[in-house]
């Protein structure tokens, strides 16, 4: 090697021998692949971001998500909003509009979050208002200024509540069964339910009376008041099982007109109980207690 170093560097021009060129190209290709292999195996570093790249958003970051019309936004803060449009021009800008606001009593959840959203008046709203303040603050504005139909359900003071007639939505025999089952399930109270015989008898009686009211009664009498009045008029004498009250005569007349009527069949099953059982049932058991809130 010492003897050939001198002749090798006598001329700066590259050798044109085929072998010299082949060795040079092979060495260059090998070096290229070695460098590429090192690059692929090397770790990617994010300089100056070792502790994360999160940062506070700016006006430019939130701008694509804001509707140009102020009233069409969900208000987040004094400067940040989200468009109500669930299909913006750029689909990637669509965002979930659900919000979870957590705060202690008096922290301003209603005043600083709920009230501004209601005053936007861009949607239909369902508001749980246990204190009653939201209705007095925003109800007039929504109803008189924006043309909203405001409906109020007050389970504490029924005199301030709008009313609902479930019988107006009963159209079929299946609807009667659903209504009666819901009535039984939601008026049984907190105590332990007694003998299921009474509940089954109640269910049959309610099905018969409700079906009669809905399918045979005039439209103005299809309500809970009529049901209560029929229950109250069902006098039963313990010593006279053949005694018939006004409701019995009503069902006798319906049975003559339509023996297979749903109400007739349900009432006949209820009547299978003896007069003694029925007389103790009506005044003393849970039928009248269950319907106590519904006063004619």
C-alpha atoms as a PDB file:
ATOM      1  CA  UNK A   1       0.000   0.000   0.000  1.00  0.00           C
ATOM      2  CA  UNK A   2       2.868   2.405   0.803  1.00  0.00           C
ATOM      3  CA  UNK A   3       4.472   1.734  -2.550  1.00  0.00           C
ATOM      4  CA  UNK A   4       1.212   2.344  -4.539  1.00  0.00           C
ATOM      5  CA  UNK A   5       0.039   5.530  -2.752  1.00  0.00           C
ATOM      6  CA  UNK A   6       2.401   7.697  -4.737  1.00  0.00           C
ATOM      7  CA  UNK A   7       1.430   6.481  -8.227  1.00  0.00           C
ATOM      8  CA  UNK A   8      -2.301   6.572  -7.258  1.00  0.00           C
ATOM      9  CA  UNK A   9      -2.280  10.311  -6.507  1.00  0.00           C
ATOM     10  CA  UNK A  10       0.071  11.410  -9.274  1.00  0.00           C
ATOM     11  CA  UNK A  11      -2.884  12.727 -11.337  1.00  0.00           C
ATOM     12  CA  UNK A  12      -6.087  14.371  -9.955  1.00  0.00           C
ATOM     13  CA  UNK A  13      -8.146  13.108 -12.923  1.00  0.00           C
ATOM     14  CA  UNK A  14     -10.276   9.971 -12.309  1.00  0.00           C
ATOM     15  CA  UNK A  15      -9.251   6.781 -13.939  1.00  0.00           C
ATOM     16  CA  UNK A  16     -11.164   5.744 -17.023  1.00  0.00           C
ATOM     17  CA  UNK A  17     -10.490   2.080 -16.674  1.00  0.00           C
ATOM     18  CA  UNK A  18     -13.698   0.015 -16.604  1.00  0.00           C
ATOM     19  CA  UNK A  19     -12.680  -1.711 -13.421  1.00  0.00           C
ATOM     20  CA  UNK A  20     -11.982   1.595 -11.681  1.00  0.00           C
ATOM     21  CA  UNK A  21     -15.406   2.978 -12.667  1.00  0.00           C
ATOM     22  CA  UNK A  22     -17.193  -0.190 -11.545  1.00  0.00           C
ATOM     23  CA  UNK A  23     -15.512  -0.099  -8.141  1.00  0.00           C
ATOM     24  CA  UNK A  24     -16.381   3.584  -7.696  1.00  0.00           C
ATOM     25  CA  UNK A  25     -20.061   3.126  -8.627  1.00  0.00           C
ATOM     26  CA  UNK A  26     -20.379   0.062  -6.392  1.00  0.00           C
ATOM     27  CA  UNK A  27     -18.868   1.967  -3.476  1.00  0.00           C
ATOM     28  CA  UNK A  28     -21.237   4.928  -4.003  1.00  0.00           C
ATOM     29  CA  UNK A  29     -24.321   2.689  -4.197  1.00  0.00           C
ATOM     30  CA  UNK A  30     -23.300   0.845  -1.056  1.00  0.00           C
ATOM     31  CA  UNK A  31     -22.752   4.108   0.817  1.00  0.00           C
ATOM     32  CA  UNK A  32     -26.184   5.379  -0.338  1.00  0.00           C
ATOM     33  CA  UNK A  33     -28.022   2.336   0.976  1.00  0.00           C
ATOM     34  CA  UNK A  34     -26.128   2.465   4.253  1.00  0.00           C
ATOM     35  CA  UNK A  35     -27.120   6.103   4.794  1.00  0.00           C
ATOM     36  CA  UNK A  36     -30.769   5.401   3.953  1.00  0.00           C
ATOM     37  CA  UNK A  37     -30.810   2.500   6.403  1.00  0.00           C
ATOM     38  CA  UNK A  38     -29.471   4.734   9.161  1.00  0.00           C
ATOM     39  CA  UNK A  39     -32.086   7.402   8.389  1.00  0.00           C
ATOM     40  CA  UNK A  40     -34.990   4.946   8.623  1.00  0.00           C
ATOM     41  CA  UNK A  41     -33.746   3.517  11.914  1.00  0.00           C
ATOM     42  CA  UNK A  42     -33.062   6.887  13.441  1.00  0.00           C
ATOM     43  CA  UNK A  43     -35.458   8.333  16.032  1.00  0.00           C
ATOM     44  CA  UNK A  44     -37.587  11.356  15.235  1.00  0.00           C
ATOM     45  CA  UNK A  45     -37.093  14.162  17.682  1.00  0.00           C
ATOM     46  CA  UNK A  46     -39.376  17.183  18.121  1.00  0.00           C
ATOM     47  CA  UNK A  47     -36.945  19.773  19.302  1.00  0.00           C
ATOM     48  CA  UNK A  48     -38.262  22.191  21.948  1.00  0.00           C
ATOM     49  CA  UNK A  49     -41.456  20.095  22.304  1.00  0.00           C
ATOM     50  CA  UNK A  50     -40.214  17.565  24.817  1.00  0.00           C
ATOM     51  CA  UNK A  51     -42.997  18.525  27.252  1.00  0.00           C
ATOM     52  CA  UNK A  52     -45.858  18.468  24.705  1.00  0.00           C
ATOM     53  CA  UNK A  53     -47.132  20.773  22.003  1.00  0.00           C
ATOM     54  CA  UNK A  54     -50.456  21.808  23.626  1.00  0.00           C
ATOM     55  CA  UNK A  55     -51.143  25.528  23.750  1.00  0.00           C
ATOM     56  CA  UNK A  56     -53.991  27.945  24.356  1.00  0.00           C
ATOM     57  CA  UNK A  57     -56.179  28.417  21.319  1.00  0.00           C
ATOM     58  CA  UNK A  58     -56.375  31.739  19.577  1.00  0.00           C
ATOM     59  CA  UNK A  59     -59.069  33.571  17.638  1.00  0.00           C
ATOM     60  CA  UNK A  60     -57.710  32.097  14.420  1.00  0.00           C
ATOM     61  CA  UNK A  61     -58.108  28.546  15.774  1.00  0.00           C
ATOM     62  CA  UNK A  62     -61.811  28.907  16.659  1.00  0.00           C
ATOM     63  CA  UNK A  63     -62.839  31.021  13.664  1.00  0.00           C
ATOM     64  CA  UNK A  64     -63.564  28.077  11.269  1.00  0.00           C
ATOM     65  CA  UNK A  65     -66.080  26.707  13.791  1.00  0.00           C
ATOM     66  CA  UNK A  66     -68.069  29.943  14.301  1.00  0.00           C
ATOM     67  CA  UNK A  67     -71.177  30.827  12.293  1.00  0.00           C
ATOM     68  CA  UNK A  68     -71.015  34.342  10.831  1.00  0.00           C
ATOM     69  CA  UNK A  69     -74.491  35.011  12.214  1.00  0.00           C
ATOM     70  CA  UNK A  70     -74.199  35.416  15.988  1.00  0.00           C
ATOM     71  CA  UNK A  71     -77.665  33.995  16.750  1.00  0.00           C
ATOM     72  CA  UNK A  72     -76.781  30.665  15.095  1.00  0.00           C
ATOM     73  CA  UNK A  73     -74.067  29.759  17.594  1.00  0.00           C
ATOM     74  CA  UNK A  74     -73.730  27.966  20.905  1.00  0.00           C
ATOM     75  CA  UNK A  75     -72.033  30.445  23.210  1.00  0.00           C
ATOM     76  CA  UNK A  76     -68.979  29.032  24.976  1.00  0.00           C
ATOM     77  CA  UNK A  77     -67.260  32.136  26.306  1.00  0.00           C
ATOM     78  CA  UNK A  78     -67.217  35.847  25.584  1.00  0.00           C
ATOM     79  CA  UNK A  79     -65.153  35.252  22.433  1.00  0.00           C
ATOM     80  CA  UNK A  80     -65.599  31.542  21.594  1.00  0.00           C
ATOM     81  CA  UNK A  81     -68.683  30.023  19.972  1.00  0.00           C
ATOM     82  CA  UNK A  82     -69.689  26.923  17.979  1.00  0.00           C
ATOM     83  CA  UNK A  83     -71.994  26.961  14.967  1.00  0.00           C
ATOM     84  CA  UNK A  84     -75.332  25.173  15.260  1.00  0.00           C
ATOM     85  CA  UNK A  85     -74.951  23.992  11.663  1.00  0.00           C
ATOM     86  CA  UNK A  86     -74.197  20.276  11.859  1.00  0.00           C
ATOM     87  CA  UNK A  87     -73.242  20.230   8.170  1.00  0.00           C
ATOM     88  CA  UNK A  88     -70.829  23.096   7.585  1.00  0.00           C
ATOM     89  CA  UNK A  89     -69.242  23.734   4.204  1.00  0.00           C
ATOM     90  CA  UNK A  90     -66.078  22.011   5.410  1.00  0.00           C
ATOM     91  CA  UNK A  91     -67.191  18.700   7.020  1.00  0.00           C
ATOM     92  CA  UNK A  92     -64.016  18.563   9.110  1.00  0.00           C
ATOM     93  CA  UNK A  93     -65.279  21.637  10.999  1.00  0.00           C
ATOM     94  CA  UNK A  94     -68.363  19.820  12.315  1.00  0.00           C
ATOM     95  CA  UNK A  95     -68.261  19.432  16.084  1.00  0.00           C
ATOM     96  CA  UNK A  96     -70.313  17.716  18.806  1.00  0.00           C
ATOM     97  CA  UNK A  97     -72.484  20.379  20.459  1.00  0.00           C
ATOM     98  CA  UNK A  98     -73.003  18.565  23.773  1.00  0.00           C
ATOM     99  CA  UNK A  99     -71.699  20.478  26.764  1.00  0.00           C
ATOM    100  CA  UNK A 100     -71.177  19.442  30.380  1.00  0.00           C
ATOM    101  CA  UNK A 101     -71.136  22.356  32.834  1.00  0.00           C
ATOM    102  CA  UNK A 102     -69.933  21.519  36.344  1.00  0.00           C
ATOM    103  CA  UNK A 103     -70.148  23.997  39.186  1.00  0.00           C
ATOM    104  CA  UNK A 104     -71.265  24.329  42.769  1.00  0.00           C
ATOM    105  CA  UNK A 105     -74.455  26.083  43.853  1.00  0.00           C
ATOM    106  CA  UNK A 106     -74.316  29.781  43.077  1.00  0.00           C
ATOM    107  CA  UNK A 107     -71.396  29.473  40.650  1.00  0.00           C
ATOM    108  CA  UNK A 108     -73.506  30.819  37.767  1.00  0.00           C
ATOM    109  CA  UNK A 109     -74.450  27.719  35.762  1.00  0.00           C
ATOM    110  CA  UNK A 110     -77.917  29.077  35.042  1.00  0.00           C
ATOM    111  CA  UNK A 111     -77.072  32.763  34.747  1.00  0.00           C
ATOM    112  CA  UNK A 112     -73.891  32.526  32.695  1.00  0.00           C
ATOM    113  CA  UNK A 113     -74.546  29.374  30.659  1.00  0.00           C
ATOM    114  CA  UNK A 114     -78.210  28.391  30.399  1.00  0.00           C
ATOM    115  CA  UNK A 115     -79.761  31.847  30.085  1.00  0.00           C
ATOM    116  CA  UNK A 116     -77.477  32.999  27.200  1.00  0.00           C
ATOM    117  CA  UNK A 117     -78.267  29.798  25.305  1.00  0.00           C
ATOM    118  CA  UNK A 118     -82.032  30.327  25.686  1.00  0.00           C
ATOM    119  CA  UNK A 119     -81.771  33.954  24.563  1.00  0.00           C
ATOM    120  CA  UNK A 120     -80.149  32.777  21.330  1.00  0.00           C
ATOM    121  CA  UNK A 121     -83.606  31.403  20.397  1.00  0.00           C
ATOM    122  CA  UNK A 122     -82.265  29.188  17.636  1.00  0.00           C
ATOM    123  CA  UNK A 123     -83.730  25.814  18.718  1.00  0.00           C
ATOM    124  CA  UNK A 124     -86.457  24.006  20.578  1.00  0.00           C
ATOM    125  CA  UNK A 125     -85.627  23.741  24.275  1.00  0.00           C
ATOM    126  CA  UNK A 126     -86.472  21.368  27.111  1.00  0.00           C
ATOM    127  CA  UNK A 127     -85.467  22.981  30.409  1.00  0.00           C
ATOM    128  CA  UNK A 128     -85.525  21.421  33.867  1.00  0.00           C
ATOM    129  CA  UNK A 129     -86.225  24.385  36.136  1.00  0.00           C
ATOM    130  CA  UNK A 130     -86.491  23.216  39.769  1.00  0.00           C
ATOM    131  CA  UNK A 131     -86.310  26.749  41.192  1.00  0.00           C
ATOM    132  CA  UNK A 132     -88.747  28.278  38.698  1.00  0.00           C
ATOM    133  CA  UNK A 133     -86.507  31.251  37.948  1.00  0.00           C
ATOM    134  CA  UNK A 134     -85.684  30.412  34.337  1.00  0.00           C
ATOM    135  CA  UNK A 135     -89.342  30.469  33.301  1.00  0.00           C
ATOM    136  CA  UNK A 136     -89.885  33.942  34.740  1.00  0.00           C
ATOM    137  CA  UNK A 137     -86.660  35.263  33.230  1.00  0.00           C
ATOM    138  CA  UNK A 138     -86.831  33.849  29.710  1.00  0.00           C
ATOM    139  CA  UNK A 139     -90.424  32.670  29.201  1.00  0.00           C
ATOM    140  CA  UNK A 140     -91.876  36.050  28.246  1.00  0.00           C
ATOM    141  CA  UNK A 141     -89.037  36.783  25.820  1.00  0.00           C
ATOM    142  CA  UNK A 142     -89.354  33.441  24.042  1.00  0.00           C
ATOM    143  CA  UNK A 143     -93.148  33.564  23.886  1.00  0.00           C
ATOM    144  CA  UNK A 144     -93.825  37.216  23.053  1.00  0.00           C
ATOM    145  CA  UNK A 145     -90.669  38.294  21.243  1.00  0.00           C
ATOM    146  CA  UNK A 146     -89.709  35.111  19.399  1.00  0.00           C
ATOM    147  CA  UNK A 147     -93.073  33.394  18.960  1.00  0.00           C
ATOM    148  CA  UNK A 148     -92.222  30.256  20.952  1.00  0.00           C
ATOM    149  CA  UNK A 149     -94.921  27.981  22.347  1.00  0.00           C
ATOM    150  CA  UNK A 150     -94.037  27.609  26.024  1.00  0.00           C
ATOM    151  CA  UNK A 151     -95.336  24.536  27.843  1.00  0.00           C
ATOM    152  CA  UNK A 152     -94.967  24.151  31.615  1.00  0.00           C
ATOM    153  CA  UNK A 153     -95.194  20.959  33.664  1.00  0.00           C
ATOM    154  CA  UNK A 154     -95.179  21.711  37.394  1.00  0.00           C
ATOM    155  CA  UNK A 155     -95.385  18.625  39.585  1.00  0.00           C
ATOM    156  CA  UNK A 156     -95.303  20.680  42.807  1.00  0.00           C
ATOM    157  CA  UNK A 157     -98.086  23.190  42.152  1.00  0.00           C
ATOM    158  CA  UNK A 158    -100.562  21.729  39.653  1.00  0.00           C
ATOM    159  CA  UNK A 159    -102.432  25.038  39.481  1.00  0.00           C
ATOM    160  CA  UNK A 160     -99.426  26.481  37.618  1.00  0.00           C
ATOM    161  CA  UNK A 161     -99.004  23.481  35.361  1.00  0.00           C
ATOM    162  CA  UNK A 162    -100.372  22.739  31.938  1.00  0.00           C
ATOM    163  CA  UNK A 163    -102.333  19.516  31.697  1.00  0.00           C
ATOM    164  CA  UNK A 164    -101.899  16.370  29.666  1.00  0.00           C
ATOM    165  CA  UNK A 165    -104.671  14.002  28.616  1.00  0.00           C
ATOM    166  CA  UNK A 166    -103.139  10.576  27.910  1.00  0.00           C
ATOM    167  CA  UNK A 167    -106.454   9.196  26.678  1.00  0.00           C
ATOM    168  CA  UNK A 168    -106.276  11.482  23.657  1.00  0.00           C
ATOM    169  CA  UNK A 169    -103.467   9.260  22.353  1.00  0.00           C
ATOM    170  CA  UNK A 170    -105.177   5.897  22.864  1.00  0.00           C
ATOM    171  CA  UNK A 171    -106.203   4.506  19.479  1.00  0.00           C
ATOM    172  CA  UNK A 172    -106.053   0.710  19.785  1.00  0.00           C
ATOM    173  CA  UNK A 173    -106.579  -2.060  22.350  1.00  0.00           C
ATOM    174  CA  UNK A 174    -102.806  -2.321  22.679  1.00  0.00           C
ATOM    175  CA  UNK A 175    -102.684   1.363  23.637  1.00  0.00           C
ATOM    176  CA  UNK A 176    -105.225   0.690  26.391  1.00  0.00           C
ATOM    177  CA  UNK A 177    -103.036  -2.030  27.878  1.00  0.00           C
ATOM    178  CA  UNK A 178     -99.924   0.172  27.708  1.00  0.00           C
ATOM    179  CA  UNK A 179    -101.726   3.036  29.412  1.00  0.00           C
ATOM    180  CA  UNK A 180    -103.124   0.876  32.211  1.00  0.00           C
ATOM    181  CA  UNK A 181     -99.787  -0.821  32.850  1.00  0.00           C
ATOM    182  CA  UNK A 182     -98.087   2.575  33.031  1.00  0.00           C
ATOM    183  CA  UNK A 183    -100.772   3.845  35.425  1.00  0.00           C
ATOM    184  CA  UNK A 184    -100.377   0.832  37.714  1.00  0.00           C
ATOM    185  CA  UNK A 185     -96.574   0.963  37.683  1.00  0.00           C
ATOM    186  CA  UNK A 186     -96.360   4.676  38.452  1.00  0.00           C
ATOM    187  CA  UNK A 187     -98.971   4.910  41.199  1.00  0.00           C
ATOM    188  CA  UNK A 188     -98.086   1.931  43.391  1.00  0.00           C
ATOM    189  CA  UNK A 189     -96.138   4.108  45.852  1.00  0.00           C
ATOM    190  CA  UNK A 190     -93.029   3.225  47.803  1.00  0.00           C
ATOM    191  CA  UNK A 191     -94.529   0.461  49.909  1.00  0.00           C
ATOM    192  CA  UNK A 192     -94.425  -3.233  49.125  1.00  0.00           C
ATOM    193  CA  UNK A 193     -97.175  -4.392  46.805  1.00  0.00           C
ATOM    194  CA  UNK A 194     -99.677  -6.748  48.390  1.00  0.00           C
ATOM    195  CA  UNK A 195    -101.526  -9.707  46.939  1.00  0.00           C
ATOM    196  CA  UNK A 196    -101.120  -9.653  43.124  1.00  0.00           C
ATOM    197  CA  UNK A 197    -104.787 -10.654  42.862  1.00  0.00           C
ATOM    198  CA  UNK A 198    -105.803  -7.090  43.621  1.00  0.00           C
ATOM    199  CA  UNK A 199    -103.438  -5.665  41.015  1.00  0.00           C
ATOM    200  CA  UNK A 200    -104.743  -8.064  38.360  1.00  0.00           C
ATOM    201  CA  UNK A 201    -108.328  -7.175  39.249  1.00  0.00           C
ATOM    202  CA  UNK A 202    -107.502  -3.488  39.047  1.00  0.00           C
ATOM    203  CA  UNK A 203    -105.861  -3.961  35.664  1.00  0.00           C
ATOM    204  CA  UNK A 204    -108.941  -5.691  34.267  1.00  0.00           C
ATOM    205  CA  UNK A 205    -111.257  -2.996  35.632  1.00  0.00           C
ATOM    206  CA  UNK A 206    -109.122  -0.128  34.314  1.00  0.00           C
ATOM    207  CA  UNK A 207    -108.833  -1.761  30.890  1.00  0.00           C
ATOM    208  CA  UNK A 208    -112.616  -2.164  30.726  1.00  0.00           C
ATOM    209  CA  UNK A 209    -113.409   1.384  31.843  1.00  0.00           C
ATOM    210  CA  UNK A 210    -110.720   3.073  29.738  1.00  0.00           C
ATOM    211  CA  UNK A 211    -111.706   1.105  26.642  1.00  0.00           C
ATOM    212  CA  UNK A 212    -115.365   2.088  27.186  1.00  0.00           C
ATOM    213  CA  UNK A 213    -114.461   5.756  27.612  1.00  0.00           C
ATOM    214  CA  UNK A 214    -112.164   5.898  24.579  1.00  0.00           C
ATOM    215  CA  UNK A 215    -114.065   3.708  22.130  1.00  0.00           C
ATOM    216  CA  UNK A 216    -117.687   4.465  23.153  1.00  0.00           C
ATOM    217  CA  UNK A 217    -117.721   7.774  25.007  1.00  0.00           C
ATOM    218  CA  UNK A 218    -118.026  11.246  23.425  1.00  0.00           C
ATOM    219  CA  UNK A 219    -114.777  13.075  22.739  1.00  0.00           C
ATOM    220  CA  UNK A 220    -115.274  15.649  25.492  1.00  0.00           C
ATOM    221  CA  UNK A 221    -115.517  12.856  28.112  1.00  0.00           C
ATOM    222  CA  UNK A 222    -112.344  10.995  27.114  1.00  0.00           C
ATOM    223  CA  UNK A 223    -110.285  12.028  30.114  1.00  0.00           C
ATOM    224  CA  UNK A 224    -109.208  10.965  33.590  1.00  0.00           C
ATOM    225  CA  UNK A 225    -112.103  12.806  35.246  1.00  0.00           C
ATOM    226  CA  UNK A 226    -114.574  10.475  33.570  1.00  0.00           C
ATOM    227  CA  UNK A 227    -112.595   7.478  34.775  1.00  0.00           C
ATOM    228  CA  UNK A 228    -112.686   8.745  38.364  1.00  0.00           C
ATOM    229  CA  UNK A 229    -116.426   9.447  38.133  1.00  0.00           C
ATOM    230  CA  UNK A 230    -117.093   5.921  36.870  1.00  0.00           C
ATOM    231  CA  UNK A 231    -115.048   4.433  39.710  1.00  0.00           C
ATOM    232  CA  UNK A 232    -116.939   6.513  42.271  1.00  0.00           C
ATOM    233  CA  UNK A 233    -120.292   5.432  40.870  1.00  0.00           C
ATOM    234  CA  UNK A 234    -119.504   1.702  41.109  1.00  0.00           C
ATOM    235  CA  UNK A 235    -121.503   0.968  44.220  1.00  0.00           C
ATOM    236  CA  UNK A 236    -121.419  -2.684  45.302  1.00  0.00           C
ATOM    237  CA  UNK A 237    -123.574  -4.194  48.039  1.00  0.00           C
ATOM    238  CA  UNK A 238    -121.949  -6.957  50.044  1.00  0.00           C
ATOM    239  CA  UNK A 239    -125.254  -8.621  50.915  1.00  0.00           C
ATOM    240  CA  UNK A 240    -126.689  -8.452  47.395  1.00  0.00           C
ATOM    241  CA  UNK A 241    -124.485  -9.822  44.630  1.00  0.00           C
ATOM    242  CA  UNK A 242    -127.283  -9.299  42.083  1.00  0.00           C
ATOM    243  CA  UNK A 243    -127.281  -5.524  42.665  1.00  0.00           C
ATOM    244  CA  UNK A 244    -126.274  -3.525  39.584  1.00  0.00           C
ATOM    245  CA  UNK A 245    -124.890  -0.036  39.598  1.00  0.00           C
ATOM    246  CA  UNK A 246    -124.859   2.499  36.775  1.00  0.00           C
ATOM    247  CA  UNK A 247    -121.614   1.165  35.318  1.00  0.00           C
ATOM    248  CA  UNK A 248    -123.015  -2.382  35.227  1.00  0.00           C
ATOM    249  CA  UNK A 249    -125.982  -1.167  33.194  1.00  0.00           C
ATOM    250  CA  UNK A 250    -123.656   0.693  30.830  1.00  0.00           C
ATOM    251  CA  UNK A 251    -121.710  -2.501  30.117  1.00  0.00           C
ATOM    252  CA  UNK A 252    -124.906  -4.557  29.818  1.00  0.00           C
ATOM    253  CA  UNK A 253    -126.083  -2.220  27.086  1.00  0.00           C
ATOM    254  CA  UNK A 254    -122.710  -2.396  25.311  1.00  0.00           C
ATOM    255  CA  UNK A 255    -122.730  -6.205  25.550  1.00  0.00           C
ATOM    256  CA  UNK A 256    -126.085  -6.303  23.753  1.00  0.00           C
ATOM    257  CA  UNK A 257    -124.776  -4.087  20.958  1.00  0.00           C
ATOM    258  CA  UNK A 258    -121.344  -5.711  20.656  1.00  0.00           C
ATOM    259  CA  UNK A 259    -120.744  -8.858  22.757  1.00  0.00           C
ATOM    260  CA  UNK A 260    -117.125  -9.161  21.571  1.00  0.00           C
ATOM    261  CA  UNK A 261    -116.196  -5.604  22.403  1.00  0.00           C
ATOM    262  CA  UNK A 262    -112.790  -5.350  24.149  1.00  0.00           C
ATOM    263  CA  UNK A 263    -114.284  -3.417  27.085  1.00  0.00           C
ATOM    264  CA  UNK A 264    -117.066  -5.983  27.535  1.00  0.00           C
ATOM    265  CA  UNK A 265    -114.617  -8.897  27.618  1.00  0.00           C
ATOM    266  CA  UNK A 266    -112.388  -7.174  30.179  1.00  0.00           C
ATOM    267  CA  UNK A 267    -115.335  -6.230  32.390  1.00  0.00           C
ATOM    268  CA  UNK A 268    -116.691  -9.783  32.282  1.00  0.00           C
ATOM    269  CA  UNK A 269    -113.338 -11.092  33.573  1.00  0.00           C
ATOM    270  CA  UNK A 270    -113.420  -8.539  36.365  1.00  0.00           C
ATOM    271  CA  UNK A 271    -116.984  -9.533  37.287  1.00  0.00           C
ATOM    272  CA  UNK A 272    -115.850 -13.111  37.881  1.00  0.00           C
ATOM    273  CA  UNK A 273    -114.851 -11.953  41.374  1.00  0.00           C
ATOM    274  CA  UNK A 274    -117.639 -12.344  43.925  1.00  0.00           C
ATOM    275  CA  UNK A 275    -119.669  -9.392  45.141  1.00  0.00           C
ATOM    276  CA  UNK A 276    -118.005  -9.611  48.559  1.00  0.00           C
ATOM    277  CA  UNK A 277    -114.518  -9.339  47.135  1.00  0.00           C
ATOM    278  CA  UNK A 278    -115.471  -6.476  44.884  1.00  0.00           C
ATOM    279  CA  UNK A 279    -117.280  -4.615  47.650  1.00  0.00           C
ATOM    280  CA  UNK A 280    -114.203  -4.751  49.890  1.00  0.00           C
ATOM    281  CA  UNK A 281    -111.951  -3.924  46.982  1.00  0.00           C
ATOM    282  CA  UNK A 282    -113.510  -0.718  45.709  1.00  0.00           C
ATOM    283  CA  UNK A 283    -113.914   1.362  48.876  1.00  0.00           C
ATOM    284  CA  UNK A 284    -111.009   0.045  50.921  1.00  0.00           C
ATOM    285  CA  UNK A 285    -108.204  -1.051  48.661  1.00  0.00           C
ATOM    286  CA  UNK A 286    -105.936   0.892  46.320  1.00  0.00           C
ATOM    287  CA  UNK A 287    -108.252   1.766  43.414  1.00  0.00           C
ATOM    288  CA  UNK A 288    -109.470   5.002  44.942  1.00  0.00           C
ATOM    289  CA  UNK A 289    -106.113   5.653  46.564  1.00  0.00           C
ATOM    290  CA  UNK A 290    -104.396   5.192  43.221  1.00  0.00           C
ATOM    291  CA  UNK A 291    -106.676   7.696  41.513  1.00  0.00           C
ATOM    292  CA  UNK A 292    -106.776  10.140  44.414  1.00  0.00           C
ATOM    293  CA  UNK A 293    -104.662  12.816  42.636  1.00  0.00           C
ATOM    294  CA  UNK A 294    -107.168  12.880  39.762  1.00  0.00           C
ATOM    295  CA  UNK A 295    -110.078  14.862  41.074  1.00  0.00           C
ATOM    296  CA  UNK A 296    -113.050  15.636  38.791  1.00  0.00           C
END
